[in-house]
Amino acid sequence: MPFVLDASIAGCWAFQDESHPYADLALDRLLADTALVPVIWWFEVRNILVKNERRKRIAPIDTLAFLRTISSFTINIEPIPGEAELLRLARVRGLTFYDAAYLELAQRNQIPLATLDTNLASAAKAEGVPIIGEATGR
């Protein structure tokens, strides 16, 4: 079953000094399945990498290697959704508009969400969206 992949999970994969059981589960799942992401994901992942290059946490050559690796996975960038639902989620759940895009995508497709963002995970639970790594999200 496909799932929505948050940039926080992909960011965790990029750094050797980071690990999280939810990120590991999402990676295992991605090896055999498809992830859906909102358009913003493409920018967020690259921003995470560049910011960490500036902090000397990752070298530019390793950024390129990571981008090559994730491009080998089946990650489908979804078209821009309707604005009304994103606004509702951002307002009602106190999310950034960016995070609301991940939640809306999971809701619309009725699939689990892989995230390490605690605010996004809380909002997803409140909206009935399962989180990968938690009891209902596998």
N, C-alpha and C. Protein backbone atom coordinates (compact mmCIF):
# COMPACT_ATOMS: atom_id res chain seq x y z
N MET A 1 0.84 -1.18 0.00
CA MET A 1 0.00 0.00 0.00
C MET A 1 0.89 1.24 0.00
N PRO A 2 0.62 2.18 -0.88
CA PRO A 2 1.40 3.43 -0.89
C PRO A 2 1.27 4.18 0.43
N PHE A 3 2.14 5.14 0.63
CA PHE A 3 2.10 5.98 1.82
C PHE A 3 2.63 7.36 1.46
N VAL A 4 2.34 8.33 2.32
CA VAL A 4 2.84 9.69 2.13
C VAL A 4 4.15 9.83 2.90
N LEU A 5 5.15 10.33 2.23
CA LEU A 5 6.49 10.47 2.78
C LEU A 5 6.78 11.93 3.09
N ASP A 6 6.98 12.25 4.36
CA ASP A 6 7.33 13.60 4.79
C ASP A 6 8.83 13.82 4.62
N ALA A 7 9.23 15.05 4.37
CA ALA A 7 10.65 15.39 4.20
C ALA A 7 11.46 15.08 5.46
N SER A 8 10.83 15.10 6.63
CA SER A 8 11.57 14.80 7.87
C SER A 8 12.12 13.38 7.86
N ILE A 9 11.39 12.47 7.26
CA ILE A 9 11.85 11.08 7.15
C ILE A 9 13.02 11.01 6.17
N ALA A 10 12.86 11.60 5.00
CA ALA A 10 13.93 11.57 4.00
C ALA A 10 15.19 12.25 4.55
N GLY A 11 15.01 13.33 5.28
CA GLY A 11 16.15 14.00 5.89
C GLY A 11 16.90 13.10 6.86
N CYS A 12 16.17 12.31 7.60
CA CYS A 12 16.79 11.37 8.54
C CYS A 12 17.69 10.37 7.80
N TRP A 13 17.25 9.94 6.64
CA TRP A 13 18.03 8.97 5.86
C TRP A 13 19.35 9.55 5.37
N ALA A 14 19.41 10.86 5.21
CA ALA A 14 20.58 11.49 4.59
C ALA A 14 21.80 11.57 5.51
N PHE A 15 21.59 11.44 6.81
CA PHE A 15 22.67 11.68 7.76
C PHE A 15 23.01 10.42 8.55
N GLN A 16 24.27 10.06 8.54
CA GLN A 16 24.71 8.84 9.22
C GLN A 16 24.52 8.91 10.73
N ASP A 17 24.52 10.12 11.28
CA ASP A 17 24.39 10.25 12.73
C ASP A 17 22.93 10.35 13.19
N GLU A 18 22.01 10.17 12.27
CA GLU A 18 20.59 10.20 12.62
C GLU A 18 19.97 8.85 12.31
N SER A 19 19.11 8.43 13.19
CA SER A 19 18.31 7.24 12.91
C SER A 19 17.05 7.33 13.75
N HIS A 20 16.02 6.70 13.28
CA HIS A 20 14.76 6.65 13.99
C HIS A 20 14.02 5.41 13.49
N PRO A 21 13.39 4.67 14.39
CA PRO A 21 12.69 3.45 13.96
C PRO A 21 11.61 3.72 12.91
N TYR A 22 10.92 4.86 12.99
CA TYR A 22 9.89 5.17 11.99
C TYR A 22 10.52 5.42 10.62
N ALA A 23 11.69 6.06 10.60
CA ALA A 23 12.39 6.29 9.34
C ALA A 23 12.86 4.97 8.75
N ASP A 24 13.32 4.07 9.60
CA ASP A 24 13.75 2.75 9.14
C ASP A 24 12.57 1.98 8.54
N LEU A 25 11.42 2.02 9.21
CA LEU A 25 10.22 1.35 8.69
C LEU A 25 9.80 1.93 7.35
N ALA A 26 9.84 3.25 7.24
CA ALA A 26 9.45 3.89 5.98
C ALA A 26 10.40 3.51 4.86
N LEU A 27 11.69 3.44 5.14
CA LEU A 27 12.66 3.04 4.12
C LEU A 27 12.42 1.60 3.69
N ASP A 28 12.21 0.71 4.64
CA ASP A 28 11.92 -0.68 4.30
C ASP A 28 10.68 -0.77 3.41
N ARG A 29 9.70 0.01 3.76
CA ARG A 29 8.46 0.00 3.00
C ARG A 29 8.68 0.57 1.59
N LEU A 30 9.48 1.62 1.49
CA LEU A 30 9.72 2.25 0.21
C LEU A 30 10.48 1.34 -0.75
N LEU A 31 11.27 0.43 -0.22
CA LEU A 31 12.01 -0.50 -1.07
C LEU A 31 11.08 -1.41 -1.87
N ALA A 32 9.85 -1.60 -1.35
CA ALA A 32 8.90 -2.49 -2.02
C ALA A 32 7.61 -1.80 -2.42
N ASP A 33 7.48 -0.52 -2.14
CA ASP A 33 6.22 0.16 -2.36
C ASP A 33 6.44 1.56 -2.94
N THR A 34 5.38 2.31 -3.04
CA THR A 34 5.40 3.65 -3.61
C THR A 34 5.11 4.68 -2.53
N ALA A 35 5.83 5.78 -2.59
CA ALA A 35 5.53 6.91 -1.71
C ALA A 35 4.93 8.02 -2.56
N LEU A 36 3.97 8.71 -1.97
CA LEU A 36 3.40 9.91 -2.58
C LEU A 36 3.89 11.10 -1.78
N VAL A 37 4.19 12.18 -2.48
CA VAL A 37 4.65 13.40 -1.82
C VAL A 37 4.00 14.61 -2.48
N PRO A 38 3.77 15.67 -1.68
CA PRO A 38 3.31 16.91 -2.30
C PRO A 38 4.49 17.60 -2.99
N VAL A 39 4.19 18.53 -3.86
CA VAL A 39 5.23 19.24 -4.62
C VAL A 39 6.30 19.84 -3.70
N ILE A 40 5.90 20.34 -2.56
CA ILE A 40 6.83 21.01 -1.64
C ILE A 40 7.95 20.07 -1.17
N TRP A 41 7.70 18.77 -1.16
CA TRP A 41 8.68 17.78 -0.69
C TRP A 41 10.01 17.93 -1.45
N TRP A 42 9.94 18.09 -2.76
CA TRP A 42 11.14 18.20 -3.59
C TRP A 42 12.02 19.33 -3.08
N PHE A 43 11.41 20.48 -2.77
CA PHE A 43 12.15 21.64 -2.28
C PHE A 43 12.64 21.43 -0.84
N GLU A 44 11.78 20.87 -0.01
CA GLU A 44 12.15 20.67 1.40
C GLU A 44 13.36 19.75 1.56
N VAL A 45 13.40 18.66 0.82
CA VAL A 45 14.52 17.72 0.93
C VAL A 45 15.82 18.41 0.53
N ARG A 46 15.80 19.15 -0.54
CA ARG A 46 17.00 19.83 -0.99
C ARG A 46 17.41 20.95 -0.02
N ASN A 47 16.43 21.61 0.57
CA ASN A 47 16.73 22.63 1.55
C ASN A 47 17.40 22.03 2.79
N ILE A 48 16.90 20.89 3.24
CA ILE A 48 17.51 20.19 4.38
C ILE A 48 18.98 19.89 4.07
N LEU A 49 19.24 19.41 2.87
CA LEU A 49 20.61 19.05 2.50
C LEU A 49 21.52 20.27 2.42
N VAL A 50 21.08 21.33 1.78
CA VAL A 50 21.91 22.54 1.63
C VAL A 50 22.17 23.19 2.99
N LYS A 51 21.14 23.26 3.83
CA LYS A 51 21.34 23.83 5.16
C LYS A 51 22.38 23.04 5.94
N ASN A 52 22.36 21.73 5.78
CA ASN A 52 23.32 20.90 6.51
C ASN A 52 24.70 20.89 5.86
N GLU A 53 24.78 21.21 4.58
CA GLU A 53 26.09 21.44 3.97
C GLU A 53 26.74 22.66 4.63
N ARG A 54 25.95 23.71 4.82
CA ARG A 54 26.47 24.93 5.45
C ARG A 54 26.95 24.66 6.87
N ARG A 55 26.33 23.73 7.54
CA ARG A 55 26.71 23.37 8.92
C ARG A 55 27.85 22.35 8.93
N LYS A 56 28.32 21.97 7.74
CA LYS A 56 29.41 21.00 7.58
C LYS A 56 29.01 19.60 8.07
N ARG A 57 27.73 19.33 8.02
CA ARG A 57 27.23 18.01 8.43
C ARG A 57 27.20 17.02 7.28
N ILE A 58 27.17 17.56 6.05
CA ILE A 58 27.16 16.72 4.86
C ILE A 58 27.96 17.46 3.79
N ALA A 59 28.72 16.71 3.03
CA ALA A 59 29.51 17.30 1.95
C ALA A 59 28.66 17.38 0.68
N PRO A 60 28.93 18.36 -0.19
CA PRO A 60 28.16 18.46 -1.43
C PRO A 60 28.14 17.17 -2.24
N ILE A 61 29.25 16.45 -2.26
CA ILE A 61 29.28 15.19 -3.01
C ILE A 61 28.33 14.16 -2.39
N ASP A 62 28.19 14.19 -1.07
CA ASP A 62 27.26 13.28 -0.40
C ASP A 62 25.81 13.70 -0.63
N THR A 63 25.58 15.00 -0.76
CA THR A 63 24.24 15.48 -1.13
C THR A 63 23.85 14.90 -2.48
N LEU A 64 24.75 15.00 -3.45
CA LEU A 64 24.46 14.47 -4.78
C LEU A 64 24.22 12.97 -4.75
N ALA A 65 25.03 12.26 -3.97
CA ALA A 65 24.85 10.80 -3.86
C ALA A 65 23.49 10.47 -3.24
N PHE A 66 23.12 11.21 -2.20
CA PHE A 66 21.82 10.97 -1.58
C PHE A 66 20.68 11.25 -2.55
N LEU A 67 20.77 12.34 -3.29
CA LEU A 67 19.73 12.66 -4.27
C LEU A 67 19.63 11.59 -5.35
N ARG A 68 20.76 11.04 -5.76
CA ARG A 68 20.73 9.93 -6.73
C ARG A 68 20.03 8.72 -6.12
N THR A 69 20.35 8.44 -4.86
CA THR A 69 19.74 7.29 -4.19
C THR A 69 18.23 7.43 -4.09
N ILE A 70 17.76 8.58 -3.61
CA ILE A 70 16.31 8.70 -3.46
C ILE A 70 15.60 8.78 -4.81
N SER A 71 16.31 9.21 -5.85
CA SER A 71 15.67 9.23 -7.17
C SER A 71 15.46 7.82 -7.72
N SER A 72 16.13 6.84 -7.13
CA SER A 72 15.95 5.45 -7.57
C SER A 72 14.70 4.81 -6.96
N PHE A 73 14.11 5.46 -5.96
CA PHE A 73 12.90 4.95 -5.33
C PHE A 73 11.67 5.41 -6.12
N THR A 74 10.57 4.73 -5.88
CA THR A 74 9.32 5.13 -6.51
C THR A 74 8.64 6.15 -5.60
N ILE A 75 8.91 7.41 -5.89
CA ILE A 75 8.33 8.52 -5.14
C ILE A 75 7.59 9.40 -6.16
N ASN A 76 6.30 9.42 -6.04
CA ASN A 76 5.46 10.16 -6.98
C ASN A 76 5.11 11.53 -6.42
N ILE A 77 5.49 12.57 -7.14
CA ILE A 77 5.13 13.93 -6.76
C ILE A 77 3.72 14.19 -7.28
N GLU A 78 2.84 14.48 -6.35
CA GLU A 78 1.43 14.66 -6.68
C GLU A 78 1.15 16.10 -7.09
N PRO A 79 0.12 16.29 -7.92
CA PRO A 79 -0.23 17.66 -8.33
C PRO A 79 -0.75 18.48 -7.15
N ILE A 80 -0.77 19.77 -7.35
CA ILE A 80 -1.24 20.69 -6.31
C ILE A 80 -2.72 20.41 -6.02
N PRO A 81 -3.05 20.22 -4.74
CA PRO A 81 -4.44 19.91 -4.37
C PRO A 81 -5.31 21.16 -4.28
N GLY A 82 -6.56 20.93 -3.95
CA GLY A 82 -7.47 22.05 -3.73
C GLY A 82 -7.05 22.86 -2.52
N GLU A 83 -7.17 24.15 -2.61
CA GLU A 83 -6.72 25.06 -1.58
C GLU A 83 -7.57 25.02 -0.31
N ALA A 84 -8.87 24.83 -0.44
CA ALA A 84 -9.78 24.93 0.70
C ALA A 84 -9.43 23.93 1.80
N GLU A 85 -9.16 22.69 1.44
CA GLU A 85 -8.85 21.67 2.45
C GLU A 85 -7.51 21.95 3.12
N LEU A 86 -6.55 22.43 2.37
CA LEU A 86 -5.26 22.79 2.96
C LEU A 86 -5.41 23.91 3.97
N LEU A 87 -6.17 24.90 3.61
CA LEU A 87 -6.42 26.01 4.53
C LEU A 87 -7.13 25.52 5.79
N ARG A 88 -8.11 24.65 5.62
CA ARG A 88 -8.84 24.12 6.77
C ARG A 88 -7.90 23.39 7.72
N LEU A 89 -7.08 22.50 7.16
CA LEU A 89 -6.16 21.73 8.00
C LEU A 89 -5.14 22.63 8.69
N ALA A 90 -4.61 23.58 7.98
CA ALA A 90 -3.63 24.51 8.57
C ALA A 90 -4.27 25.29 9.72
N ARG A 91 -5.48 25.75 9.51
CA ARG A 91 -6.15 26.56 10.52
C ARG A 91 -6.61 25.73 11.72
N VAL A 92 -7.31 24.65 11.44
CA VAL A 92 -7.92 23.85 12.51
C VAL A 92 -6.85 23.10 13.32
N ARG A 93 -5.82 22.62 12.66
CA ARG A 93 -4.81 21.79 13.33
C ARG A 93 -3.54 22.55 13.67
N GLY A 94 -3.49 23.84 13.37
CA GLY A 94 -2.32 24.64 13.74
C GLY A 94 -1.06 24.25 12.99
N LEU A 95 -1.21 23.82 11.75
CA LEU A 95 -0.08 23.38 10.94
C LEU A 95 0.42 24.50 10.03
N THR A 96 1.67 24.37 9.59
CA THR A 96 2.12 25.21 8.50
C THR A 96 1.36 24.76 7.26
N PHE A 97 1.27 25.62 6.29
CA PHE A 97 0.60 25.25 5.04
C PHE A 97 1.33 24.08 4.39
N TYR A 98 2.68 24.06 4.55
CA TYR A 98 3.49 22.97 3.98
C TYR A 98 3.10 21.63 4.60
N ASP A 99 3.02 21.59 5.93
CA ASP A 99 2.67 20.34 6.60
C ASP A 99 1.24 19.93 6.29
N ALA A 100 0.36 20.90 6.14
CA ALA A 100 -1.02 20.58 5.77
C ALA A 100 -1.07 19.86 4.43
N ALA A 101 -0.12 20.15 3.54
CA ALA A 101 -0.09 19.49 2.23
C ALA A 101 0.16 17.99 2.37
N TYR A 102 1.02 17.60 3.31
CA TYR A 102 1.28 16.17 3.54
C TYR A 102 0.03 15.49 4.11
N LEU A 103 -0.58 16.13 5.08
CA LEU A 103 -1.76 15.57 5.72
C LEU A 103 -2.92 15.46 4.73
N GLU A 104 -3.13 16.48 3.94
CA GLU A 104 -4.21 16.46 2.95
C GLU A 104 -4.00 15.33 1.96
N LEU A 105 -2.77 15.12 1.53
CA LEU A 105 -2.46 14.06 0.57
C LEU A 105 -2.76 12.69 1.16
N ALA A 106 -2.38 12.48 2.41
CA ALA A 106 -2.67 11.20 3.07
C ALA A 106 -4.18 11.00 3.22
N GLN A 107 -4.87 12.05 3.62
CA GLN A 107 -6.33 11.96 3.77
C GLN A 107 -7.00 11.65 2.44
N ARG A 108 -6.64 12.40 1.43
CA ARG A 108 -7.28 12.27 0.11
C ARG A 108 -7.11 10.86 -0.44
N ASN A 109 -5.95 10.28 -0.21
CA ASN A 109 -5.67 8.95 -0.75
C ASN A 109 -5.96 7.83 0.24
N GLN A 110 -6.35 8.20 1.45
CA GLN A 110 -6.65 7.25 2.52
C GLN A 110 -5.50 6.27 2.73
N ILE A 111 -4.31 6.87 2.93
CA ILE A 111 -3.10 6.08 3.15
C ILE A 111 -2.34 6.63 4.35
N PRO A 112 -1.44 5.82 4.93
CA PRO A 112 -0.67 6.28 6.09
C PRO A 112 0.35 7.36 5.73
N LEU A 113 0.81 8.02 6.77
CA LEU A 113 1.79 9.09 6.66
C LEU A 113 3.05 8.67 7.41
N ALA A 114 4.21 8.89 6.79
CA ALA A 114 5.50 8.67 7.45
C ALA A 114 6.08 10.02 7.78
N THR A 115 6.19 10.34 9.07
CA THR A 115 6.72 11.63 9.49
C THR A 115 7.41 11.51 10.84
N LEU A 116 8.37 12.40 11.08
CA LEU A 116 8.99 12.54 12.39
C LEU A 116 8.57 13.85 13.03
N ASP A 117 7.77 14.62 12.35
CA ASP A 117 7.30 15.92 12.83
C ASP A 117 6.17 15.69 13.83
N THR A 118 6.40 16.04 15.08
CA THR A 118 5.41 15.74 16.13
C THR A 118 4.10 16.52 15.94
N ASN A 119 4.17 17.75 15.48
CA ASN A 119 2.94 18.52 15.23
C ASN A 119 2.12 17.90 14.10
N LEU A 120 2.80 17.50 13.04
CA LEU A 120 2.12 16.88 11.92
C LEU A 120 1.54 15.53 12.33
N ALA A 121 2.29 14.76 13.09
CA ALA A 121 1.79 13.46 13.55
C ALA A 121 0.56 13.63 14.44
N SER A 122 0.58 14.60 15.32
CA SER A 122 -0.58 14.86 16.19
C SER A 122 -1.80 15.26 15.38
N ALA A 123 -1.59 16.12 14.40
CA ALA A 123 -2.70 16.55 13.54
C ALA A 123 -3.24 15.37 12.74
N ALA A 124 -2.33 14.52 12.25
CA ALA A 124 -2.77 13.35 11.49
C ALA A 124 -3.62 12.43 12.35
N LYS A 125 -3.18 12.19 13.57
CA LYS A 125 -3.96 11.34 14.48
C LYS A 125 -5.34 11.94 14.72
N ALA A 126 -5.39 13.25 14.92
CA ALA A 126 -6.67 13.92 15.16
C ALA A 126 -7.60 13.81 13.95
N GLU A 127 -7.01 13.72 12.76
CA GLU A 127 -7.79 13.59 11.54
C GLU A 127 -8.03 12.13 11.14
N GLY A 128 -7.53 11.21 11.96
CA GLY A 128 -7.75 9.79 11.68
C GLY A 128 -6.80 9.19 10.66
N VAL A 129 -5.67 9.84 10.42
CA VAL A 129 -4.68 9.34 9.47
C VAL A 129 -3.63 8.55 10.23
N PRO A 130 -3.41 7.28 9.87
CA PRO A 130 -2.40 6.49 10.57
C PRO A 130 -0.96 6.95 10.27
N ILE A 131 -0.09 6.78 11.26
CA ILE A 131 1.32 7.12 11.15
C ILE A 131 2.13 5.84 11.06
N ILE A 132 3.00 5.76 10.08
CA ILE A 132 3.86 4.56 9.93
C ILE A 132 4.75 4.47 11.17
N GLY A 133 4.75 3.30 11.78
CA GLY A 133 5.53 3.04 12.98
C GLY A 133 4.66 2.98 14.21
N GLU A 134 3.48 3.54 14.14
CA GLU A 134 2.55 3.45 15.27
C GLU A 134 1.60 2.30 15.01
N ALA A 135 0.92 1.87 16.03
CA ALA A 135 0.11 0.66 15.98
C ALA A 135 -0.80 0.56 14.75
N THR A 136 -1.46 1.64 14.37
CA THR A 136 -2.40 1.56 13.25
C THR A 136 -1.76 1.83 11.91
N GLY A 137 -0.52 2.29 11.89
CA GLY A 137 0.13 2.66 10.63
C GLY A 137 1.10 1.64 10.09
N ARG A 138 1.28 0.55 10.78
CA ARG A 138 2.21 -0.53 10.42
C ARG A 138 3.62 -0.08 10.39
